C-alpha atoms as a PDB file:
ATOM      1  CA  MET A   1     -70.859 -62.600 110.719  1.00  0.00           C
ATOM      2  CA  THR A   2     -74.626 -62.409 110.094  1.00  0.00           C
ATOM      3  CA  ASP A   3     -76.430 -59.367 108.803  1.00  0.00           C
ATOM      4  CA  THR A   4     -78.319 -57.241 111.296  1.00  0.00           C
ATOM      5  CA  VAL A   5     -82.034 -58.059 111.403  1.00  0.00           C
ATOM      6  CA  HIS A   6     -84.370 -55.073 111.299  1.00  0.00           C
ATOM      7  CA  PHE A   7     -88.003 -54.727 112.269  1.00  0.00           C
ATOM      8  CA  PRO A   8     -90.105 -55.227 109.088  1.00  0.00           C
ATOM      9  CA  LEU A   9     -92.207 -52.328 107.847  1.00  0.00           C
ATOM     10  CA  ALA A  10     -95.210 -54.618 107.335  1.00  0.00           C
ATOM     11  CA  ALA A  11     -95.255 -55.387 111.069  1.00  0.00           C
ATOM     12  CA  VAL A  12     -95.442 -51.756 112.227  1.00  0.00           C
ATOM     13  CA  VAL A  13     -98.745 -51.113 114.010  1.00  0.00           C
ATOM     14  CA  GLY A  14    -100.783 -48.165 112.711  1.00  0.00           C
ATOM     15  CA  ALA A  15     -98.995 -45.176 111.120  1.00  0.00           C
ATOM     16  CA  ASP A  16    -100.804 -46.070 107.885  1.00  0.00           C
ATOM     17  CA  SER A  17    -100.542 -42.556 106.447  1.00  0.00           C
ATOM     18  CA  LEU A  18     -96.816 -42.397 107.070  1.00  0.00           C
ATOM     19  CA  LYS A  19     -96.250 -45.862 105.626  1.00  0.00           C
ATOM     20  CA  LEU A  20     -98.151 -44.797 102.514  1.00  0.00           C
ATOM     21  CA  ALA A  21     -96.103 -41.594 102.157  1.00  0.00           C
ATOM     22  CA  LEU A  22     -92.836 -43.525 102.519  1.00  0.00           C
ATOM     23  CA  CYS A  23     -93.954 -46.053  99.911  1.00  0.00           C
ATOM     24  CA  LEU A  24     -94.937 -43.286  97.468  1.00  0.00           C
ATOM     25  CA  VAL A  25     -91.526 -41.646  97.760  1.00  0.00           C
ATOM     26  CA  ALA A  26     -89.918 -45.046  97.230  1.00  0.00           C
ATOM     27  CA  VAL A  27     -92.010 -45.380  94.046  1.00  0.00           C
ATOM     28  CA  ASP A  28     -90.960 -41.930  92.771  1.00  0.00           C
ATOM     29  CA  PRO A  29     -88.017 -40.331  94.631  1.00  0.00           C
ATOM     30  CA  ALA A  30     -88.539 -37.159  92.534  1.00  0.00           C
ATOM     31  CA  ILE A  31     -91.410 -36.322  94.894  1.00  0.00           C
ATOM     32  CA  GLY A  32     -88.753 -35.163  97.342  1.00  0.00           C
ATOM     33  CA  GLY A  33     -87.954 -36.011 100.938  1.00  0.00           C
ATOM     34  CA  VAL A  34     -90.349 -36.712 103.772  1.00  0.00           C
ATOM     35  CA  LEU A  35     -90.419 -34.681 106.980  1.00  0.00           C
ATOM     36  CA  ILE A  36     -91.912 -36.549 109.947  1.00  0.00           C
ATOM     37  CA  GLU A  37     -93.043 -34.588 112.992  1.00  0.00           C
ATOM     38  CA  GLY A  38     -93.726 -36.191 116.328  1.00  0.00           C
ATOM     39  CA  PRO A  39     -92.370 -36.913 119.806  1.00  0.00           C
ATOM     40  CA  ARG A  40     -89.648 -39.415 120.601  1.00  0.00           C
ATOM     41  CA  GLY A  41     -90.426 -43.109 120.838  1.00  0.00           C
ATOM     42  CA  MET A  42     -92.836 -43.215 117.867  1.00  0.00           C
ATOM     43  CA  ALA A  43     -90.751 -45.637 115.737  1.00  0.00           C
ATOM     44  CA  LYS A  44     -89.771 -42.975 113.209  1.00  0.00           C
ATOM     45  CA  SER A  45     -86.363 -44.529 112.570  1.00  0.00           C
ATOM     46  CA  THR A  46     -87.953 -48.004 112.327  1.00  0.00           C
ATOM     47  CA  LEU A  47     -90.313 -46.743 109.642  1.00  0.00           C
ATOM     48  CA  ALA A  48     -87.525 -45.010 107.721  1.00  0.00           C
ATOM     49  CA  ARG A  49     -85.361 -48.127 107.852  1.00  0.00           C
ATOM     50  CA  GLY A  50     -88.343 -50.143 106.682  1.00  0.00           C
ATOM     51  CA  GLN A  51     -88.618 -47.900 103.638  1.00  0.00           C
ATOM     52  CA  ALA A  52     -84.984 -48.624 102.750  1.00  0.00           C
ATOM     53  CA  ALA A  53     -85.850 -52.338 102.722  1.00  0.00           C
ATOM     54  CA  LEU A  54     -88.288 -51.623  99.865  1.00  0.00           C
ATOM     55  CA  LEU A  55     -85.512 -50.211  97.684  1.00  0.00           C
ATOM     56  CA  GLU A  56     -83.308 -52.364  95.486  1.00  0.00           C
ATOM     57  CA  SER A  57     -80.126 -51.276  97.261  1.00  0.00           C
ATOM     58  CA  GLY A  58     -81.496 -51.487 100.785  1.00  0.00           C
ATOM     59  CA  VAL A  59     -78.958 -48.809 101.791  1.00  0.00           C
ATOM     60  CA  PHE A  60     -79.779 -46.902 104.982  1.00  0.00           C
ATOM     61  CA  VAL A  61     -77.445 -44.172 106.257  1.00  0.00           C
ATOM     62  CA  THR A  62     -77.986 -42.175 109.439  1.00  0.00           C
ATOM     63  CA  LEU A  63     -76.620 -38.653 109.698  1.00  0.00           C
ATOM     64  CA  PRO A  64     -75.561 -38.097 113.312  1.00  0.00           C
ATOM     65  CA  LEU A  65     -76.389 -34.842 115.020  1.00  0.00           C
ATOM     66  CA  GLY A  66     -73.255 -32.703 115.124  1.00  0.00           C
ATOM     67  CA  ALA A  67     -71.781 -34.101 111.903  1.00  0.00           C
ATOM     68  CA  SER A  68     -69.455 -31.655 110.155  1.00  0.00           C
ATOM     69  CA  GLU A  69     -69.868 -30.473 106.580  1.00  0.00           C
ATOM     70  CA  GLU A  70     -66.779 -32.433 105.512  1.00  0.00           C
ATOM     71  CA  ARG A  71     -68.186 -35.631 106.967  1.00  0.00           C
ATOM     72  CA  ILE A  72     -71.406 -35.082 105.027  1.00  0.00           C
ATOM     73  CA  VAL A  73     -70.055 -34.091 101.601  1.00  0.00           C
ATOM     74  CA  GLY A  74     -66.595 -35.716 101.747  1.00  0.00           C
ATOM     75  CA  THR A  75     -63.105 -34.244 101.512  1.00  0.00           C
ATOM     76  CA  LEU A  76     -60.497 -33.548  98.848  1.00  0.00           C
ATOM     77  CA  ASP A  77     -56.813 -34.337  99.470  1.00  0.00           C
ATOM     78  CA  LEU A  78     -54.980 -31.261  98.150  1.00  0.00           C
ATOM     79  CA  ASP A  79     -51.506 -32.754  98.683  1.00  0.00           C
ATOM     80  CA  ALA A  80     -52.377 -35.655  96.386  1.00  0.00           C
ATOM     81  CA  ALA A  81     -53.863 -33.243  93.875  1.00  0.00           C
ATOM     82  CA  LEU A  82     -50.699 -31.153  93.752  1.00  0.00           C
ATOM     83  CA  GLY A  83     -48.205 -34.017  93.828  1.00  0.00           C
ATOM     84  CA  GLU A  84     -50.023 -36.483  91.561  1.00  0.00           C
ATOM     85  CA  SER A  85     -52.058 -34.017  89.467  1.00  0.00           C
ATOM     86  CA  ARG A  86     -55.304 -35.709  90.386  1.00  0.00           C
ATOM     87  CA  ALA A  87     -58.041 -35.101  92.897  1.00  0.00           C
ATOM     88  CA  GLN A  88     -58.134 -37.724  95.633  1.00  0.00           C
ATOM     89  CA  PHE A  89     -61.633 -37.774  97.093  1.00  0.00           C
ATOM     90  CA  SER A  90     -62.631 -39.289 100.413  1.00  0.00           C
ATOM     91  CA  PRO A  91     -66.383 -39.961 100.265  1.00  0.00           C
ATOM     92  CA  GLY A  92     -68.789 -38.672 102.871  1.00  0.00           C
ATOM     93  CA  LEU A  93     -72.263 -39.683 103.989  1.00  0.00           C
ATOM     94  CA  LEU A  94     -73.899 -38.421 100.778  1.00  0.00           C
ATOM     95  CA  SER A  95     -71.817 -40.825  98.726  1.00  0.00           C
ATOM     96  CA  LYS A  96     -72.637 -43.737 101.043  1.00  0.00           C
ATOM     97  CA  ALA A  97     -76.375 -42.949 100.820  1.00  0.00           C
ATOM     98  CA  ASP A  98     -76.437 -43.052  97.015  1.00  0.00           C
ATOM     99  CA  GLY A  99     -79.293 -45.291  95.903  1.00  0.00           C
ATOM    100  CA  GLY A 100     -80.767 -45.563  99.382  1.00  0.00           C
ATOM    101  CA  VAL A 101     -82.162 -43.577 102.296  1.00  0.00           C
ATOM    102  CA  LEU A 102     -80.430 -40.807 104.240  1.00  0.00           C
ATOM    103  CA  TYR A 103     -82.062 -40.492 107.648  1.00  0.00           C
ATOM    104  CA  VAL A 104     -81.630 -37.261 109.622  1.00  0.00           C
ATOM    105  CA  ASP A 105     -83.049 -37.321 113.149  1.00  0.00           C
ATOM    106  CA  GLU A 106     -83.908 -33.931 114.679  1.00  0.00           C
ATOM    107  CA  VAL A 107     -83.241 -32.157 111.384  1.00  0.00           C
ATOM    108  CA  ASN A 108     -84.516 -28.919 112.923  1.00  0.00           C
ATOM    109  CA  LEU A 109     -81.491 -28.881 115.228  1.00  0.00           C
ATOM    110  CA  LEU A 110     -79.012 -28.896 112.336  1.00  0.00           C
ATOM    111  CA  PRO A 111     -77.524 -25.571 111.186  1.00  0.00           C
ATOM    112  CA  ASP A 112     -79.558 -24.109 108.327  1.00  0.00           C
ATOM    113  CA  HIS A 113     -76.657 -24.248 105.869  1.00  0.00           C
ATOM    114  CA  LEU A 114     -76.298 -28.015 106.398  1.00  0.00           C
ATOM    115  CA  VAL A 115     -80.035 -28.574 105.884  1.00  0.00           C
ATOM    116  CA  ASP A 116     -79.770 -26.487 102.721  1.00  0.00           C
ATOM    117  CA  LEU A 117     -76.854 -28.616 101.552  1.00  0.00           C
ATOM    118  CA  LEU A 118     -78.758 -31.862 102.149  1.00  0.00           C
ATOM    119  CA  LEU A 119     -81.851 -30.617 100.350  1.00  0.00           C
ATOM    120  CA  ASP A 120     -79.809 -29.389  97.382  1.00  0.00           C
ATOM    121  CA  ALA A 121     -78.117 -32.756  96.983  1.00  0.00           C
ATOM    122  CA  ALA A 122     -81.394 -34.648  97.410  1.00  0.00           C
ATOM    123  CA  ALA A 123     -83.086 -32.507  94.740  1.00  0.00           C
ATOM    124  CA  SER A 124     -80.253 -32.611  92.197  1.00  0.00           C
ATOM    125  CA  GLY A 125     -79.007 -36.144  92.804  1.00  0.00           C
ATOM    126  CA  VAL A 126     -75.434 -34.837  92.618  1.00  0.00           C
ATOM    127  CA  ASN A 127     -72.902 -33.885  95.278  1.00  0.00           C
ATOM    128  CA  HIS A 128     -70.369 -31.235  94.246  1.00  0.00           C
ATOM    129  CA  VAL A 129     -67.288 -30.698  96.396  1.00  0.00           C
ATOM    130  CA  GLU A 130     -64.863 -27.853  95.711  1.00  0.00           C
ATOM    131  CA  ARG A 131     -61.770 -26.715  97.587  1.00  0.00           C
ATOM    132  CA  ASP A 132     -59.138 -24.211  96.505  1.00  0.00           C
ATOM    133  CA  GLY A 133     -60.071 -24.467  92.850  1.00  0.00           C
ATOM    134  CA  ILE A 134     -60.189 -28.281  92.812  1.00  0.00           C
ATOM    135  CA  SER A 135     -63.588 -29.905  92.453  1.00  0.00           C
ATOM    136  CA  HIS A 136     -65.185 -33.332  92.420  1.00  0.00           C
ATOM    137  CA  ARG A 137     -68.716 -34.469  91.533  1.00  0.00           C
ATOM    138  CA  HIS A 138     -70.430 -37.756  92.195  1.00  0.00           C
ATOM    139  CA  ALA A 139     -73.954 -39.208  92.137  1.00  0.00           C
ATOM    140  CA  ALA A 140     -75.985 -38.773  95.325  1.00  0.00           C
ATOM    141  CA  ARG A 141     -79.435 -40.104  94.485  1.00  0.00           C
ATOM    142  CA  PHE A 142     -80.984 -40.735  97.852  1.00  0.00           C
ATOM    143  CA  ILE A 143     -84.307 -40.280  99.614  1.00  0.00           C
ATOM    144  CA  LEU A 144     -84.047 -37.780 102.458  1.00  0.00           C
ATOM    145  CA  ILE A 145     -86.105 -38.649 105.544  1.00  0.00           C
ATOM    146  CA  GLY A 146     -86.026 -36.013 108.270  1.00  0.00           C
ATOM    147  CA  THR A 147     -87.666 -36.029 111.686  1.00  0.00           C
ATOM    148  CA  MET A 148     -88.329 -33.231 114.114  1.00  0.00           C
ATOM    149  CA  ASN A 149     -90.101 -32.400 117.327  1.00  0.00           C
ATOM    150  CA  ALA A 150     -91.680 -28.960 116.915  1.00  0.00           C
ATOM    151  CA  GLU A 151     -91.303 -28.306 120.658  1.00  0.00           C
ATOM    152  CA  GLU A 152     -87.525 -28.231 120.191  1.00  0.00           C
ATOM    153  CA  GLY A 153     -87.499 -25.659 117.382  1.00  0.00           C
ATOM    154  CA  GLU A 154     -88.921 -25.016 113.933  1.00  0.00           C
ATOM    155  CA  LEU A 155     -87.449 -25.098 110.449  1.00  0.00           C
ATOM    156  CA  ARG A 156     -87.499 -21.941 108.372  1.00  0.00           C
ATOM    157  CA  PRO A 157     -90.449 -21.893 105.917  1.00  0.00           C
ATOM    158  CA  GLN A 158     -88.006 -21.870 102.995  1.00  0.00           C
ATOM    159  CA  LEU A 159     -86.531 -25.171 104.202  1.00  0.00           C
ATOM    160  CA  LEU A 160     -89.887 -26.678 105.117  1.00  0.00           C
ATOM    161  CA  ASP A 161     -91.173 -26.074 101.601  1.00  0.00           C
ATOM    162  CA  ARG A 162     -88.309 -28.042 100.089  1.00  0.00           C
ATOM    163  CA  PHE A 163     -89.378 -31.255 101.790  1.00  0.00           C
ATOM    164  CA  GLY A 164     -91.777 -32.935  99.388  1.00  0.00           C
ATOM    165  CA  LEU A 165     -94.160 -34.400 101.964  1.00  0.00           C
ATOM    166  CA  ASN A 166     -94.846 -33.649 105.614  1.00  0.00           C
ATOM    167  CA  LEU A 167     -96.693 -35.752 108.195  1.00  0.00           C
ATOM    168  CA  ALA A 168     -97.293 -35.670 111.928  1.00  0.00           C
ATOM    169  CA  LEU A 169     -97.437 -38.791 114.090  1.00  0.00           C
ATOM    170  CA  ASP A 170    -100.007 -39.088 116.846  1.00  0.00           C
ATOM    171  CA  GLY A 171     -98.132 -39.205 120.132  1.00  0.00           C
ATOM    172  CA  GLN A 172    -101.103 -40.776 121.936  1.00  0.00           C
ATOM    173  CA  PRO A 173    -102.164 -44.026 120.227  1.00  0.00           C
ATOM    174  CA  GLN A 174    -105.228 -45.808 121.583  1.00  0.00           C
ATOM    175  CA  PRO A 175    -104.682 -48.340 124.408  1.00  0.00           C
ATOM    176  CA  GLY A 176    -105.325 -51.326 122.140  1.00  0.00           C
ATOM    177  CA  ALA A 177    -102.765 -50.118 119.599  1.00  0.00           C
ATOM    178  CA  ARG A 178    -100.246 -49.363 122.349  1.00  0.00           C
ATOM    179  CA  ALA A 179    -100.577 -52.888 123.726  1.00  0.00           C
ATOM    180  CA  GLU A 180    -100.095 -54.448 120.281  1.00  0.00           C
ATOM    181  CA  ILE A 181     -97.019 -52.287 119.636  1.00  0.00           C
ATOM    182  CA  VAL A 182     -95.470 -53.520 122.897  1.00  0.00           C
ATOM    183  CA  ARG A 183     -96.339 -57.173 122.125  1.00  0.00           C
ATOM    184  CA  ARG A 184     -94.688 -57.055 118.702  1.00  0.00           C
ATOM    185  CA  ARG A 185     -91.637 -55.251 120.027  1.00  0.00           C
ATOM    186  CA  LEU A 186     -91.158 -57.837 122.783  1.00  0.00           C
ATOM    187  CA  ALA A 187     -91.584 -60.674 120.285  1.00  0.00           C
ATOM    188  CA  PHE A 188     -88.988 -59.125 117.971  1.00  0.00           C
ATOM    189  CA  ASP A 189     -86.496 -58.556 120.785  1.00  0.00           C
ATOM    190  CA  ALA A 190     -86.926 -62.122 122.051  1.00  0.00           C
ATOM    191  CA  ASN A 191     -86.286 -63.747 118.647  1.00  0.00           C
ATOM    192  CA  PRO A 192     -85.685 -61.368 115.728  1.00  0.00           C
ATOM    193  CA  GLN A 193     -85.249 -64.112 113.113  1.00  0.00           C
ATOM    194  CA  ALA A 194     -88.469 -65.882 114.055  1.00  0.00           C
ATOM    195  CA  PHE A 195     -90.401 -62.598 114.112  1.00  0.00           C
ATOM    196  CA  VAL A 196     -89.120 -61.597 110.663  1.00  0.00           C
ATOM    197  CA  ALA A 197     -89.968 -65.053 109.326  1.00  0.00           C
ATOM    198  CA  THR A 198     -93.533 -64.681 110.625  1.00  0.00           C
ATOM    199  CA  TRP A 199     -93.970 -61.455 108.684  1.00  0.00           C
ATOM    200  CA  ALA A 200     -91.943 -62.492 105.630  1.00  0.00           C
ATOM    201  CA  GLY A 201     -94.990 -63.071 103.438  1.00  0.00           C
ATOM    202  CA  GLN A 202     -96.553 -59.664 104.071  1.00  0.00           C
ATOM    203  CA  GLN A 203     -93.187 -57.925 103.809  1.00  0.00           C
ATOM    204  CA  GLN A 204     -92.494 -59.621 100.479  1.00  0.00           C
ATOM    205  CA  ALA A 205     -95.924 -58.613  99.156  1.00  0.00           C
ATOM    206  CA  LEU A 206     -95.240 -55.017 100.168  1.00  0.00           C
ATOM    207  CA  ALA A 207     -91.845 -55.017  98.433  1.00  0.00           C
ATOM    208  CA  GLU A 208     -93.313 -56.539  95.254  1.00  0.00           C
ATOM    209  CA  ARG A 209     -96.114 -53.993  95.169  1.00  0.00           C
ATOM    210  CA  CYS A 210     -93.564 -51.192  95.488  1.00  0.00           C
ATOM    211  CA  GLN A 211     -91.438 -52.684  92.715  1.00  0.00           C
ATOM    212  CA  GLN A 212     -94.426 -53.026  90.378  1.00  0.00           C
ATOM    213  CA  ALA A 213     -95.492 -49.442  91.072  1.00  0.00           C
ATOM    214  CA  ARG A 214     -91.978 -48.185  90.265  1.00  0.00           C
ATOM    215  CA  ALA A 215     -92.123 -49.955  86.926  1.00  0.00           C
ATOM    216  CA  ARG A 216     -95.586 -48.548  86.180  1.00  0.00           C
ATOM    217  CA  VAL A 217     -95.251 -44.932  87.350  1.00  0.00           C
ATOM    218  CA  ALA A 218     -93.476 -43.624  84.220  1.00  0.00           C
ATOM    219  CA  THR A 219     -96.311 -44.907  82.017  1.00  0.00           C
ATOM    220  CA  ILE A 220     -98.977 -42.845  83.818  1.00  0.00           C
ATOM    221  CA  PRO A 221     -99.478 -39.463  82.099  1.00  0.00           C
ATOM    222  CA  LEU A 222     -99.285 -36.177  83.999  1.00  0.00           C
ATOM    223  CA  ASP A 223    -102.474 -35.035  82.288  1.00  0.00           C
ATOM    224  CA  ASP A 224    -103.972 -31.538  82.164  1.00  0.00           C
ATOM    225  CA  ARG A 225    -107.171 -32.601  83.920  1.00  0.00           C
ATOM    226  CA  ALA A 226    -105.289 -33.618  87.056  1.00  0.00           C
ATOM    227  CA  LEU A 227    -103.003 -30.592  86.794  1.00  0.00           C
ATOM    228  CA  GLU A 228    -105.926 -28.150  86.639  1.00  0.00           C
ATOM    229  CA  ALA A 229    -107.555 -29.730  89.689  1.00  0.00           C
ATOM    230  CA  ILE A 230    -104.304 -29.550  91.656  1.00  0.00           C
ATOM    231  CA  THR A 231    -103.361 -25.988  90.697  1.00  0.00           C
ATOM    232  CA  GLY A 232    -106.847 -24.765  91.598  1.00  0.00           C
ATOM    233  CA  ARG A 233    -106.654 -26.350  95.036  1.00  0.00           C
ATOM    234  CA  CYS A 234    -103.135 -25.043  95.613  1.00  0.00           C
ATOM    235  CA  PHE A 235    -104.418 -21.539  94.860  1.00  0.00           C
ATOM    236  CA  GLU A 236    -107.336 -21.994  97.245  1.00  0.00           C
ATOM    237  CA  ALA A 237    -104.909 -23.150  99.949  1.00  0.00           C
ATOM    238  CA  GLY A 238    -102.855 -19.982  99.466  1.00  0.00           C
ATOM    239  CA  VAL A 239     -99.512 -21.748  99.053  1.00  0.00           C
ATOM    240  CA  ASP A 240     -96.493 -19.720  97.972  1.00  0.00           C
ATOM    241  CA  GLY A 241     -94.577 -20.710  94.867  1.00  0.00           C
ATOM    242  CA  LEU A 242     -95.162 -23.678  92.574  1.00  0.00           C
ATOM    243  CA  ARG A 243     -93.311 -26.498  94.326  1.00  0.00           C
ATOM    244  CA  ALA A 244     -96.544 -27.734  95.931  1.00  0.00           C
ATOM    245  CA  ASP A 245     -98.226 -28.096  92.514  1.00  0.00           C
ATOM    246  CA  LEU A 246     -95.324 -30.118  91.148  1.00  0.00           C
ATOM    247  CA  VAL A 247     -94.965 -32.334  94.213  1.00  0.00           C
ATOM    248  CA  TRP A 248     -98.722 -32.922  94.395  1.00  0.00           C
ATOM    249  CA  LEU A 249     -98.920 -34.001  90.746  1.00  0.00           C
ATOM    250  CA  ARG A 250     -95.998 -36.420  91.127  1.00  0.00           C
ATOM    251  CA  ALA A 251     -97.352 -37.807  94.401  1.00  0.00           C
ATOM    252  CA  ALA A 252    -100.806 -38.325  92.854  1.00  0.00           C
ATOM    253  CA  ARG A 253     -99.203 -40.175  89.941  1.00  0.00           C
ATOM    254  CA  ALA A 254     -97.224 -42.371  92.358  1.00  0.00           C
ATOM    255  CA  HIS A 255    -100.449 -43.117  94.235  1.00  0.00           C
ATOM    256  CA  ALA A 256    -102.139 -44.126  90.981  1.00  0.00           C
ATOM    257  CA  ALA A 257     -99.218 -46.470  90.272  1.00  0.00           C
ATOM    258  CA  TRP A 258     -99.483 -47.816  93.830  1.00  0.00           C
ATOM    259  CA  ARG A 259    -103.159 -48.634  93.158  1.00  0.00           C
ATOM    260  CA  GLY A 260    -102.280 -50.278  89.878  1.00  0.00           C
ATOM    261  CA  ALA A 261    -104.252 -47.695  87.877  1.00  0.00           C
ATOM    262  CA  ALA A 262    -103.454 -46.429  84.391  1.00  0.00           C
ATOM    263  CA  ARG A 263    -104.183 -42.734  85.044  1.00  0.00           C
ATOM    264  CA  ILE A 264    -104.508 -40.201  87.842  1.00  0.00           C
ATOM    265  CA  GLU A 265    -108.009 -40.132  89.342  1.00  0.00           C
ATOM    266  CA  PRO A 266    -109.602 -37.804  91.943  1.00  0.00           C
ATOM    267  CA  VAL A 267    -108.991 -40.465  94.612  1.00  0.00           C
ATOM    268  CA  ASP A 268    -105.240 -40.146  94.005  1.00  0.00           C
ATOM    269  CA  ILE A 269    -105.342 -36.359  94.263  1.00  0.00           C
ATOM    270  CA  ASP A 270    -107.329 -36.525  97.504  1.00  0.00           C
ATOM    271  CA  ALA A 271    -105.129 -39.211  99.055  1.00  0.00           C
ATOM    272  CA  VAL A 272    -101.960 -37.083  99.050  1.00  0.00           C
ATOM    273  CA  GLU A 273    -103.458 -33.621  99.641  1.00  0.00           C
ATOM    274  CA  ASP A 274    -102.590 -33.338 103.310  1.00  0.00           C
ATOM    275  CA  PHE A 275     -99.093 -34.764 102.774  1.00  0.00           C
ATOM    276  CA  VAL A 276     -98.358 -31.952 100.308  1.00  0.00           C
ATOM    277  CA  LEU A 277    -100.183 -29.026 101.885  1.00  0.00           C
ATOM    278  CA  ARG A 278     -99.668 -29.579 105.597  1.00  0.00           C
ATOM    279  CA  HIS A 279     -96.454 -27.538 105.760  1.00  0.00           C
ATOM    280  CA  ARG A 280     -97.352 -25.151 102.931  1.00  0.00           C
ATOM    281  CA  ARG A 281    -100.980 -24.168 103.495  1.00  0.00           C
ATOM    282  CA  ARG A 282    -101.563 -20.601 104.668  1.00  0.00           C
ATOM    283  CA  HIS A 283    -104.336 -19.915 107.164  1.00  0.00           C
ATOM    284  CA  THR A 284    -106.087 -17.391 104.906  1.00  0.00           C
ATOM    285  CA  PRO A 285    -106.564 -17.983 101.168  1.00  0.00           C
ATOM    286  CA  PRO A 286    -105.301 -15.131  98.918  1.00  0.00           C
ATOM    287  CA  GLN A 287    -108.776 -14.094  97.733  1.00  0.00           C
ATOM    288  CA  GLN A 288    -109.810 -13.513 101.347  1.00  0.00           C
ATOM    289  CA  GLN A 289    -106.632 -11.616 102.176  1.00  0.00           C
ATOM    290  CA  ALA A 290    -107.394  -9.087  99.423  1.00  0.00           C
ATOM    291  CA  GLN A 291    -110.783  -8.212 100.901  1.00  0.00           C
ATOM    292  CA  PRO A 292    -110.967  -5.461 103.552  1.00  0.00           C
ATOM    293  CA  PRO A 293    -112.248  -6.618 106.934  1.00  0.00           C
ATOM    294  CA  ALA A 294    -116.008  -6.312 107.323  1.00  0.00           C
ATOM    295  CA  SER A 295    -117.255  -3.543 109.607  1.00  0.00           C
ATOM    296  CA  PRO A 296    -119.053  -4.757 112.735  1.00  0.00           C
ATOM    297  CA  PRO A 297    -122.844  -4.255 112.680  1.00  0.00           C
ATOM    298  CA  PRO A 298    -124.130  -1.234 114.605  1.00  0.00           C
ATOM    299  CA  GLN A 299    -125.176  -2.012 118.152  1.00  0.00           C
ATOM    300  CA  ALA A 300    -128.679  -1.099 119.294  1.00  0.00           C
ATOM    301  CA  PRO A 301    -128.784   1.458 122.132  1.00  0.00           C
ATOM    302  CA  SER A 302    -130.389  -1.061 124.444  1.00  0.00           C
ATOM    303  CA  GLU A 303    -127.743  -3.708 123.817  1.00  0.00           C
ATOM    304  CA  GLN A 304    -124.921  -3.760 126.306  1.00  0.00           C
ATOM    305  CA  PRO A 305    -122.074  -6.277 126.494  1.00  0.00           C
ATOM    306  CA  ALA A 306    -122.286  -8.780 129.281  1.00  0.00           C
ATOM    307  CA  ALA A 307    -120.171  -8.201 132.330  1.00  0.00           C
ATOM    308  CA  GLY A 308    -116.556  -9.133 131.704  1.00  0.00           C
ATOM    309  CA  GLU A 309    -117.027  -9.378 127.908  1.00  0.00           C
ATOM    310  CA  GLY A 310    -115.718  -7.053 125.197  1.00  0.00           C
ATOM    311  CA  ASN A 311    -114.563  -3.417 125.449  1.00  0.00           C
ATOM    312  CA  TRP A 312    -111.302  -4.376 127.111  1.00  0.00           C
ATOM    313  CA  GLY A 313    -109.303  -1.273 127.954  1.00  0.00           C
ATOM    314  CA  GLU A 314    -112.254   1.089 127.419  1.00  0.00           C
ATOM    315  CA  LEU A 315    -112.340   4.017 129.855  1.00  0.00           C
ATOM    316  CA  PRO A 316    -115.476   4.464 131.983  1.00  0.00           C
ATOM    317  CA  ALA A 317    -117.792   7.300 131.023  1.00  0.00           C
ATOM    318  CA  GLN A 318    -117.111  10.625 132.756  1.00  0.00           C
ATOM    319  CA  ALA A 319    -119.742  13.159 133.721  1.00  0.00           C
ATOM    320  CA  GLN A 320    -119.373  16.472 131.855  1.00  0.00           C
ATOM    321  CA  SER A 321    -120.476  19.899 133.050  1.00  0.00           C
ATOM    322  CA  THR A 322    -123.150  21.619 130.950  1.00  0.00           C
ATOM    323  CA  GLY A 323    -121.895  25.124 131.739  1.00  0.00           C
ATOM    324  CA  GLU A 324    -119.713  27.100 129.371  1.00  0.00           C
ATOM    325  CA  ARG A 325    -116.970  27.671 131.934  1.00  0.00           C
ATOM    326  CA  ARG A 326    -114.888  24.614 132.808  1.00  0.00           C
ATOM    327  CA  GLU A 327    -112.473  24.372 135.683  1.00  0.00           C
ATOM    328  CA  PRO A 328    -109.034  23.006 134.887  1.00  0.00           C
ATOM    329  CA  PRO A 329    -108.266  19.635 136.495  1.00  0.00           C
ATOM    330  CA  ARG A 330    -106.825  19.852 139.968  1.00  0.00           C
ATOM    331  CA  TRP A 331    -103.955  17.564 140.686  1.00  0.00           C
ATOM    332  CA  ALA A 332    -103.311  16.202 144.131  1.00  0.00           C
ATOM    333  CA  LYS A 333    -100.385  17.772 145.863  1.00  0.00           C
ATOM    334  CA  LYS A 334     -97.385  15.683 146.576  1.00  0.00           C
ATOM    335  CA  PRO A 335     -96.843  14.970 150.276  1.00  0.00           C
END
């Protein structure tokens, strides 16, 4: 039985920003997961599977929509624990994804507590299962790749923030790009082995570059100069908490390693800014929120708003009597 052939990441048309983000997380998984937003049919799963091919394990696990908590974390056999005085653990999807990629399509449709569970395991690298006083722990070092279509529901801000990077795919590629995507897909479907062989050189170069960057990233210092630049820009963006600062610094270091540089430069900080801030940036920076709104300038007596503009809901002027005695309003009698 031959192994399944998958579409190579190097052959994906466009999506350069997303390919870069996936490579950076493969270089340093401590950056956190990647949340991809976009409509269906944009090759999100192809890109995520292509990232797994850059890892040493090549493991790619898909979490199906509707999966139970036990299927995700695994189960403990209490009868075996009581009869044999040992915990018998049946592994779940988190155990299978160890060392690879865990792909969650439509993550925004999962119950919040399951998303929380996935993010906790991805951040800690450990899965802890406990039932009736019996517990089991195992390694769960995986890269979490989630996708969502915002039209089908949003994630809570607290969950959004815990994804390291966030990108949106353009649902309307240019005609030339669309045609090339279709050509490559048809060529792959017609003869997968021949298509993969055609792109083997570029795919191998991509994998080697990722491997070299992984070996180099720990040697690049997280220096104060880069940290000061990042924290200042996080403050200007009005982000809550400090996760953005930490993710940004790690992502900039991974980008420096990807370039083959020895230290973080401004180009590295700029390259990952939108990945880090897209789902964390507030519309109004904090220094502007603290300022009271400016009063509108006084309007000259001769200036009047154009017809149909401004003063919505304003009552028309009423003529007032100049005499001292005023008649009470007379209401129309009911028929």
